[in-house]
Amino acid sequence: MFCPSCGASVNQSKSFCNICGAKLPGTKGEGQELSIGSLVWAIVAIYVIGVGTAFGMMAMMKKFGFDEGAINGFTLLIFLLTAAVEGAFLWLLLSRMRGTREVSPNRLREQITNEVSAARTRGLPEAVPSVTEDTTHRLAPALRNEPKIGE
């Protein structure tokens, strides 16, 4: 399994990436989280409902004869509540968007290549030549150039 954020190879039993800390798909509680698309629709719906409620309540309060101060205070309260809910949804949306970067195929290929290279370096160490082999290799050129006995 690979991390959707950084592309690192991750054990399937993990719920977060060891490299970047992103939440991995298919973990417990994932179905309870809102998707990015549903967060955008929630932001739009809260805005429309909030503005509609503010204007509707202003009209109703004028019809029933409330004074301007009460109407303005109540309207301000509705706008502040709408802004607070909008802020919460925007914070959720931005945190969700920061955590889900797309992994490009080149980055994923590079990550796999790095993992294979790391596996190769963890293999068996090179054999250390023995003292006898080292001496033989050093003396070989000298023995080839020496005149033979009897020449």
N, C-alpha and C. Protein backbone atom coordinates (compact mmCIF):
# COMPACT_ATOMS: atom_id res chain seq x y z
N MET A 1 0.85 -1.18 0.00
CA MET A 1 0.00 0.00 0.00
C MET A 1 0.89 1.24 0.00
N PHE A 2 0.46 2.27 -0.73
CA PHE A 2 1.24 3.50 -0.83
C PHE A 2 0.45 4.67 -0.25
N CYS A 3 1.16 5.61 0.34
CA CYS A 3 0.55 6.81 0.92
C CYS A 3 0.03 7.70 -0.22
N PRO A 4 -1.23 8.17 -0.15
CA PRO A 4 -1.75 9.04 -1.19
C PRO A 4 -1.13 10.44 -1.16
N SER A 5 -0.49 10.78 -0.06
CA SER A 5 0.09 12.12 0.06
C SER A 5 1.52 12.19 -0.46
N CYS A 6 2.39 11.27 0.02
CA CYS A 6 3.80 11.35 -0.37
C CYS A 6 4.25 10.18 -1.25
N GLY A 7 3.46 9.11 -1.37
CA GLY A 7 3.80 8.00 -2.23
C GLY A 7 4.69 6.95 -1.57
N ALA A 8 4.95 7.08 -0.28
CA ALA A 8 5.81 6.12 0.41
C ALA A 8 5.08 4.80 0.61
N SER A 9 5.83 3.72 0.64
CA SER A 9 5.27 2.41 0.90
C SER A 9 4.94 2.30 2.40
N VAL A 10 3.70 1.87 2.70
CA VAL A 10 3.24 1.84 4.08
C VAL A 10 2.59 0.50 4.35
N ASN A 11 2.78 -0.03 5.54
CA ASN A 11 2.13 -1.27 5.96
C ASN A 11 0.62 -1.04 6.01
N GLN A 12 -0.18 -2.02 5.58
CA GLN A 12 -1.62 -1.85 5.50
C GLN A 12 -2.28 -1.73 6.87
N SER A 13 -1.62 -2.20 7.91
CA SER A 13 -2.21 -2.12 9.25
C SER A 13 -2.08 -0.73 9.86
N LYS A 14 -1.30 0.15 9.24
CA LYS A 14 -1.09 1.50 9.76
C LYS A 14 -2.26 2.40 9.38
N SER A 15 -2.56 3.39 10.22
CA SER A 15 -3.60 4.35 9.87
C SER A 15 -3.03 5.70 9.45
N PHE A 16 -1.72 5.92 9.70
CA PHE A 16 -1.06 7.14 9.29
C PHE A 16 0.27 6.79 8.62
N CYS A 17 0.69 7.64 7.68
CA CYS A 17 1.95 7.43 6.96
C CYS A 17 3.13 7.68 7.90
N ASN A 18 4.15 6.82 7.85
CA ASN A 18 5.33 7.00 8.69
C ASN A 18 6.19 8.16 8.22
N ILE A 19 6.10 8.53 6.95
CA ILE A 19 6.94 9.58 6.38
C ILE A 19 6.33 10.96 6.57
N CYS A 20 5.10 11.16 6.07
CA CYS A 20 4.50 12.51 6.10
C CYS A 20 3.41 12.68 7.15
N GLY A 21 2.92 11.59 7.74
CA GLY A 21 1.90 11.68 8.78
C GLY A 21 0.48 11.79 8.27
N ALA A 22 0.26 11.65 6.97
CA ALA A 22 -1.09 11.77 6.40
C ALA A 22 -1.94 10.57 6.79
N LYS A 23 -3.24 10.79 6.95
CA LYS A 23 -4.17 9.71 7.26
C LYS A 23 -4.31 8.83 6.02
N LEU A 24 -4.24 7.54 6.21
CA LEU A 24 -4.30 6.60 5.09
C LEU A 24 -5.74 6.17 4.82
N PRO A 25 -6.09 5.93 3.56
CA PRO A 25 -7.45 5.50 3.24
C PRO A 25 -7.70 4.08 3.74
N GLY A 26 -8.98 3.80 4.02
CA GLY A 26 -9.35 2.46 4.45
C GLY A 26 -9.11 2.22 5.92
N THR A 27 -8.89 3.27 6.71
CA THR A 27 -8.66 3.11 8.15
C THR A 27 -9.95 3.36 8.90
N LYS A 28 -9.98 3.02 10.18
CA LYS A 28 -11.17 3.19 11.01
C LYS A 28 -11.57 4.65 11.07
N GLY A 29 -12.88 4.90 11.04
CA GLY A 29 -13.39 6.25 11.17
C GLY A 29 -13.35 7.05 9.89
N GLU A 30 -12.91 6.48 8.81
CA GLU A 30 -12.81 7.25 7.57
C GLU A 30 -14.19 7.56 7.01
N GLY A 31 -15.15 6.67 7.18
CA GLY A 31 -16.48 6.90 6.66
C GLY A 31 -17.20 8.03 7.36
N GLN A 32 -16.76 8.42 8.55
CA GLN A 32 -17.40 9.47 9.31
C GLN A 32 -16.94 10.85 8.87
N GLU A 33 -15.85 10.95 8.15
CA GLU A 33 -15.32 12.24 7.73
C GLU A 33 -16.04 12.74 6.48
N LEU A 34 -16.13 14.06 6.39
CA LEU A 34 -16.76 14.67 5.22
C LEU A 34 -15.76 14.76 4.08
N SER A 35 -16.23 14.51 2.87
CA SER A 35 -15.36 14.65 1.71
C SER A 35 -15.24 16.12 1.34
N ILE A 36 -14.29 16.43 0.47
CA ILE A 36 -14.06 17.82 0.07
C ILE A 36 -15.29 18.37 -0.66
N GLY A 37 -15.88 17.56 -1.53
CA GLY A 37 -17.07 18.00 -2.26
C GLY A 37 -18.24 18.31 -1.33
N SER A 38 -18.45 17.47 -0.32
CA SER A 38 -19.56 17.72 0.60
C SER A 38 -19.28 18.94 1.47
N LEU A 39 -18.01 19.20 1.77
CA LEU A 39 -17.68 20.41 2.54
C LEU A 39 -17.97 21.68 1.73
N VAL A 40 -17.66 21.65 0.44
CA VAL A 40 -17.94 22.81 -0.42
C VAL A 40 -19.44 23.06 -0.48
N TRP A 41 -20.22 22.00 -0.66
CA TRP A 41 -21.68 22.16 -0.70
C TRP A 41 -22.22 22.64 0.64
N ALA A 42 -21.66 22.19 1.73
CA ALA A 42 -22.10 22.65 3.06
C ALA A 42 -21.81 24.14 3.22
N ILE A 43 -20.66 24.60 2.74
CA ILE A 43 -20.32 26.02 2.83
C ILE A 43 -21.31 26.86 2.04
N VAL A 44 -21.63 26.42 0.83
CA VAL A 44 -22.59 27.16 -0.01
C VAL A 44 -23.97 27.16 0.64
N ALA A 45 -24.41 26.01 1.15
CA ALA A 45 -25.74 25.90 1.75
C ALA A 45 -25.85 26.77 3.01
N ILE A 46 -24.82 26.76 3.85
CA ILE A 46 -24.86 27.57 5.06
C ILE A 46 -24.92 29.05 4.71
N TYR A 47 -24.20 29.47 3.70
CA TYR A 47 -24.22 30.88 3.28
C TYR A 47 -25.61 31.28 2.79
N VAL A 48 -26.19 30.47 1.91
CA VAL A 48 -27.51 30.78 1.35
C VAL A 48 -28.56 30.78 2.45
N ILE A 49 -28.54 29.78 3.32
CA ILE A 49 -29.52 29.70 4.40
C ILE A 49 -29.34 30.86 5.38
N GLY A 50 -28.10 31.19 5.70
CA GLY A 50 -27.84 32.29 6.63
C GLY A 50 -28.31 33.62 6.11
N VAL A 51 -27.98 33.92 4.86
CA VAL A 51 -28.41 35.20 4.27
C VAL A 51 -29.93 35.23 4.12
N GLY A 52 -30.51 34.12 3.68
CA GLY A 52 -31.97 34.05 3.54
C GLY A 52 -32.67 34.23 4.87
N THR A 53 -32.15 33.60 5.91
CA THR A 53 -32.74 33.74 7.24
C THR A 53 -32.63 35.17 7.74
N ALA A 54 -31.49 35.79 7.53
CA ALA A 54 -31.30 37.18 8.00
C ALA A 54 -32.30 38.12 7.31
N PHE A 55 -32.41 38.02 6.00
CA PHE A 55 -33.33 38.91 5.30
C PHE A 55 -34.79 38.59 5.63
N GLY A 56 -35.12 37.31 5.75
CA GLY A 56 -36.49 36.92 6.11
C GLY A 56 -36.87 37.41 7.49
N MET A 57 -35.95 37.27 8.45
CA MET A 57 -36.25 37.73 9.80
C MET A 57 -36.35 39.25 9.86
N MET A 58 -35.53 39.95 9.07
CA MET A 58 -35.62 41.42 9.02
C MET A 58 -37.01 41.84 8.53
N ALA A 59 -37.47 41.18 7.48
CA ALA A 59 -38.79 41.53 6.94
C ALA A 59 -39.90 41.23 7.94
N MET A 60 -39.82 40.08 8.61
CA MET A 60 -40.84 39.71 9.59
C MET A 60 -40.84 40.67 10.77
N MET A 61 -39.66 41.05 11.22
CA MET A 61 -39.58 41.95 12.38
C MET A 61 -40.10 43.35 12.02
N LYS A 62 -39.87 43.81 10.82
CA LYS A 62 -40.41 45.12 10.38
C LYS A 62 -41.93 45.06 10.30
N LYS A 63 -42.44 43.93 9.82
CA LYS A 63 -43.89 43.77 9.68
C LYS A 63 -44.57 43.81 11.05
N PHE A 64 -43.92 43.23 12.08
CA PHE A 64 -44.51 43.20 13.42
C PHE A 64 -44.15 44.42 14.26
N GLY A 65 -43.44 45.38 13.67
CA GLY A 65 -43.24 46.65 14.33
C GLY A 65 -42.06 46.73 15.29
N PHE A 66 -41.05 45.90 15.14
CA PHE A 66 -39.86 46.00 15.99
C PHE A 66 -39.09 47.27 15.64
N ASP A 67 -38.36 47.84 16.61
CA ASP A 67 -37.58 49.03 16.32
C ASP A 67 -36.30 48.67 15.56
N GLU A 68 -35.67 49.67 14.95
CA GLU A 68 -34.49 49.46 14.09
C GLU A 68 -33.31 48.84 14.86
N GLY A 69 -33.10 49.20 16.09
CA GLY A 69 -31.98 48.67 16.89
C GLY A 69 -32.11 47.18 17.10
N ALA A 70 -33.31 46.70 17.41
CA ALA A 70 -33.54 45.27 17.63
C ALA A 70 -33.35 44.50 16.32
N ILE A 71 -33.85 45.06 15.24
CA ILE A 71 -33.73 44.41 13.94
C ILE A 71 -32.26 44.31 13.53
N ASN A 72 -31.52 45.42 13.68
CA ASN A 72 -30.10 45.40 13.32
C ASN A 72 -29.29 44.46 14.22
N GLY A 73 -29.58 44.43 15.51
CA GLY A 73 -28.88 43.54 16.44
C GLY A 73 -29.14 42.07 16.10
N PHE A 74 -30.41 41.74 15.83
CA PHE A 74 -30.75 40.36 15.50
C PHE A 74 -30.11 39.95 14.17
N THR A 75 -30.10 40.85 13.20
CA THR A 75 -29.47 40.57 11.90
C THR A 75 -27.97 40.36 12.06
N LEU A 76 -27.34 41.21 12.89
CA LEU A 76 -25.91 41.05 13.15
C LEU A 76 -25.62 39.71 13.81
N LEU A 77 -26.48 39.31 14.75
CA LEU A 77 -26.30 38.02 15.42
C LEU A 77 -26.39 36.86 14.42
N ILE A 78 -27.35 36.91 13.51
CA ILE A 78 -27.49 35.85 12.49
C ILE A 78 -26.26 35.82 11.58
N PHE A 79 -25.77 37.00 11.17
CA PHE A 79 -24.59 37.04 10.30
C PHE A 79 -23.35 36.51 11.03
N LEU A 80 -23.20 36.82 12.32
CA LEU A 80 -22.05 36.32 13.08
C LEU A 80 -22.11 34.80 13.25
N LEU A 81 -23.31 34.28 13.53
CA LEU A 81 -23.45 32.81 13.63
C LEU A 81 -23.14 32.13 12.29
N THR A 82 -23.63 32.74 11.21
CA THR A 82 -23.36 32.19 9.88
C THR A 82 -21.86 32.23 9.58
N ALA A 83 -21.21 33.34 9.93
CA ALA A 83 -19.78 33.46 9.69
C ALA A 83 -18.99 32.45 10.52
N ALA A 84 -19.41 32.19 11.75
CA ALA A 84 -18.71 31.21 12.59
C ALA A 84 -18.82 29.80 12.00
N VAL A 85 -20.02 29.43 11.55
CA VAL A 85 -20.20 28.11 10.95
C VAL A 85 -19.42 28.02 9.64
N GLU A 86 -19.47 29.09 8.84
CA GLU A 86 -18.69 29.12 7.59
C GLU A 86 -17.20 28.96 7.88
N GLY A 87 -16.71 29.65 8.89
CA GLY A 87 -15.28 29.55 9.26
C GLY A 87 -14.90 28.13 9.65
N ALA A 88 -15.77 27.45 10.40
CA ALA A 88 -15.49 26.07 10.79
C ALA A 88 -15.41 25.16 9.57
N PHE A 89 -16.36 25.33 8.65
CA PHE A 89 -16.35 24.51 7.44
C PHE A 89 -15.15 24.83 6.55
N LEU A 90 -14.79 26.11 6.45
CA LEU A 90 -13.60 26.48 5.66
C LEU A 90 -12.33 25.89 6.27
N TRP A 91 -12.23 25.91 7.59
CA TRP A 91 -11.06 25.32 8.26
C TRP A 91 -10.98 23.83 7.96
N LEU A 92 -12.12 23.12 8.05
CA LEU A 92 -12.14 21.69 7.70
C LEU A 92 -11.73 21.47 6.25
N LEU A 93 -12.24 22.31 5.36
CA LEU A 93 -11.93 22.16 3.93
C LEU A 93 -10.44 22.38 3.67
N LEU A 94 -9.88 23.43 4.24
CA LEU A 94 -8.46 23.72 4.02
C LEU A 94 -7.57 22.65 4.63
N SER A 95 -7.91 22.17 5.82
CA SER A 95 -7.09 21.10 6.42
C SER A 95 -7.19 19.82 5.61
N ARG A 96 -8.34 19.53 5.04
CA ARG A 96 -8.52 18.35 4.21
C ARG A 96 -7.73 18.50 2.91
N MET A 97 -7.73 19.71 2.33
CA MET A 97 -7.03 19.92 1.06
C MET A 97 -5.52 19.88 1.26
N ARG A 98 -5.02 20.33 2.42
CA ARG A 98 -3.58 20.26 2.68
C ARG A 98 -3.13 18.82 2.84
N GLY A 99 -3.99 17.98 3.40
CA GLY A 99 -3.62 16.60 3.66
C GLY A 99 -3.73 15.67 2.47
N THR A 100 -4.39 16.09 1.39
CA THR A 100 -4.58 15.19 0.25
C THR A 100 -3.98 15.78 -1.01
N ARG A 101 -2.67 15.75 -1.09
CA ARG A 101 -2.01 16.16 -2.32
C ARG A 101 -2.02 14.99 -3.28
N GLU A 102 -2.11 15.30 -4.53
CA GLU A 102 -2.07 14.25 -5.55
C GLU A 102 -0.63 13.76 -5.70
N VAL A 103 -0.47 12.47 -5.88
CA VAL A 103 0.85 11.90 -6.09
C VAL A 103 1.04 11.72 -7.58
N SER A 104 2.04 12.38 -8.13
CA SER A 104 2.29 12.25 -9.56
C SER A 104 2.94 10.90 -9.84
N PRO A 105 2.71 10.35 -11.03
CA PRO A 105 3.31 9.06 -11.37
C PRO A 105 4.84 9.10 -11.30
N ASN A 106 5.45 10.23 -11.68
CA ASN A 106 6.91 10.33 -11.61
C ASN A 106 7.40 10.27 -10.18
N ARG A 107 6.70 10.94 -9.27
CA ARG A 107 7.10 10.92 -7.87
C ARG A 107 6.95 9.52 -7.29
N LEU A 108 5.87 8.83 -7.67
CA LEU A 108 5.65 7.48 -7.19
C LEU A 108 6.73 6.55 -7.73
N ARG A 109 7.08 6.70 -9.02
CA ARG A 109 8.13 5.88 -9.62
C ARG A 109 9.47 6.15 -8.92
N GLU A 110 9.74 7.42 -8.61
CA GLU A 110 10.99 7.78 -7.92
C GLU A 110 11.02 7.15 -6.53
N GLN A 111 9.87 7.15 -5.83
CA GLN A 111 9.80 6.57 -4.49
C GLN A 111 10.08 5.07 -4.56
N ILE A 112 9.49 4.38 -5.55
CA ILE A 112 9.70 2.95 -5.70
C ILE A 112 11.17 2.67 -6.02
N THR A 113 11.76 3.50 -6.90
CA THR A 113 13.17 3.34 -7.24
C THR A 113 14.05 3.52 -6.01
N ASN A 114 13.72 4.50 -5.18
CA ASN A 114 14.49 4.73 -3.96
C ASN A 114 14.37 3.54 -3.01
N GLU A 115 13.18 2.95 -2.94
CA GLU A 115 13.00 1.81 -2.06
C GLU A 115 13.80 0.61 -2.57
N VAL A 116 13.82 0.40 -3.89
CA VAL A 116 14.59 -0.71 -4.45
C VAL A 116 16.08 -0.48 -4.21
N SER A 117 16.55 0.75 -4.41
CA SER A 117 17.96 1.06 -4.17
C SER A 117 18.32 0.83 -2.72
N ALA A 118 17.43 1.22 -1.82
CA ALA A 118 17.69 1.02 -0.40
C ALA A 118 17.75 -0.47 -0.07
N ALA A 119 16.89 -1.27 -0.74
CA ALA A 119 16.92 -2.71 -0.50
C ALA A 119 18.23 -3.32 -0.99
N ARG A 120 18.74 -2.83 -2.10
CA ARG A 120 20.01 -3.35 -2.61
C ARG A 120 21.16 -3.03 -1.67
N THR A 121 21.16 -1.86 -1.10
CA THR A 121 22.26 -1.49 -0.21
C THR A 121 22.19 -2.27 1.10
N ARG A 122 21.01 -2.77 1.45
CA ARG A 122 20.90 -3.55 2.66
C ARG A 122 21.27 -5.01 2.44
N GLY A 123 21.70 -5.39 1.23
CA GLY A 123 22.06 -6.77 0.93
C GLY A 123 23.34 -7.18 1.63
N LEU A 124 23.88 -8.30 1.19
CA LEU A 124 25.12 -8.80 1.79
C LEU A 124 26.28 -7.86 1.50
N PRO A 125 27.17 -7.69 2.48
CA PRO A 125 28.33 -6.83 2.23
C PRO A 125 29.30 -7.53 1.28
N GLU A 126 30.12 -6.72 0.61
CA GLU A 126 31.11 -7.29 -0.29
C GLU A 126 32.14 -8.08 0.52
N ALA A 127 32.60 -9.15 -0.10
CA ALA A 127 33.59 -9.97 0.58
C ALA A 127 34.92 -9.21 0.66
N VAL A 128 35.55 -9.29 1.82
CA VAL A 128 36.84 -8.65 2.00
C VAL A 128 37.91 -9.62 1.49
N PRO A 129 38.80 -9.17 0.59
CA PRO A 129 39.82 -10.09 0.08
C PRO A 129 40.77 -10.53 1.20
N SER A 130 41.24 -11.73 1.06
CA SER A 130 42.16 -12.25 2.08
C SER A 130 43.55 -11.66 1.88
N VAL A 131 44.40 -11.81 2.87
CA VAL A 131 45.76 -11.31 2.80
C VAL A 131 46.53 -12.02 1.69
N THR A 132 46.29 -13.29 1.51
CA THR A 132 46.99 -14.07 0.49
C THR A 132 46.64 -13.57 -0.90
N GLU A 133 45.35 -13.33 -1.16
CA GLU A 133 44.95 -12.82 -2.47
C GLU A 133 45.54 -11.45 -2.73
N ASP A 134 45.54 -10.61 -1.72
CA ASP A 134 46.08 -9.27 -1.88
C ASP A 134 47.57 -9.33 -2.22
N THR A 135 48.34 -10.18 -1.55
CA THR A 135 49.78 -10.31 -1.80
C THR A 135 50.02 -10.87 -3.20
N THR A 136 49.26 -11.86 -3.59
CA THR A 136 49.42 -12.47 -4.90
C THR A 136 49.16 -11.44 -6.00
N HIS A 137 48.10 -10.65 -5.86
CA HIS A 137 47.78 -9.64 -6.88
C HIS A 137 48.84 -8.55 -6.94
N ARG A 138 49.45 -8.22 -5.83
CA ARG A 138 50.47 -7.18 -5.84
C ARG A 138 51.78 -7.67 -6.46
N LEU A 139 52.10 -8.93 -6.25
CA LEU A 139 53.35 -9.45 -6.76
C LEU A 139 53.25 -9.95 -8.19
N ALA A 140 52.07 -10.15 -8.71
CA ALA A 140 51.89 -10.69 -10.06
C ALA A 140 52.60 -9.87 -11.13
N PRO A 141 52.51 -8.54 -11.17
CA PRO A 141 53.22 -7.80 -12.22
C PRO A 141 54.74 -7.95 -12.09
N ALA A 142 55.26 -7.99 -10.88
CA ALA A 142 56.70 -8.12 -10.68
C ALA A 142 57.20 -9.49 -11.14
N LEU A 143 56.42 -10.54 -10.90
CA LEU A 143 56.83 -11.89 -11.30
C LEU A 143 56.80 -12.05 -12.82
N ARG A 144 55.90 -11.36 -13.50
CA ARG A 144 55.83 -11.46 -14.95
C ARG A 144 57.04 -10.81 -15.64
N ASN A 145 57.56 -9.77 -15.05
CA ASN A 145 58.66 -9.05 -15.66
C ASN A 145 60.04 -9.59 -15.32
N GLU A 146 60.17 -10.49 -14.35
CA GLU A 146 61.47 -11.03 -13.95
C GLU A 146 61.99 -12.02 -15.00
N PRO A 147 63.30 -11.99 -15.28
CA PRO A 147 63.84 -13.00 -16.20
C PRO A 147 63.85 -14.37 -15.55
N LYS A 148 63.60 -15.38 -16.32
CA LYS A 148 63.60 -16.73 -15.79
C LYS A 148 65.01 -17.21 -15.55
N ILE A 149 65.17 -18.13 -14.66
CA ILE A 149 66.49 -18.67 -14.34
C ILE A 149 66.97 -19.49 -15.54
N GLY A 150 68.12 -19.24 -15.92
CA GLY A 150 68.72 -19.97 -17.04
C GLY A 150 68.64 -19.17 -18.34
N GLU A 151 68.14 -18.04 -18.34
CA GLU A 151 68.09 -17.24 -19.56
C GLU A 151 69.29 -16.38 -19.69
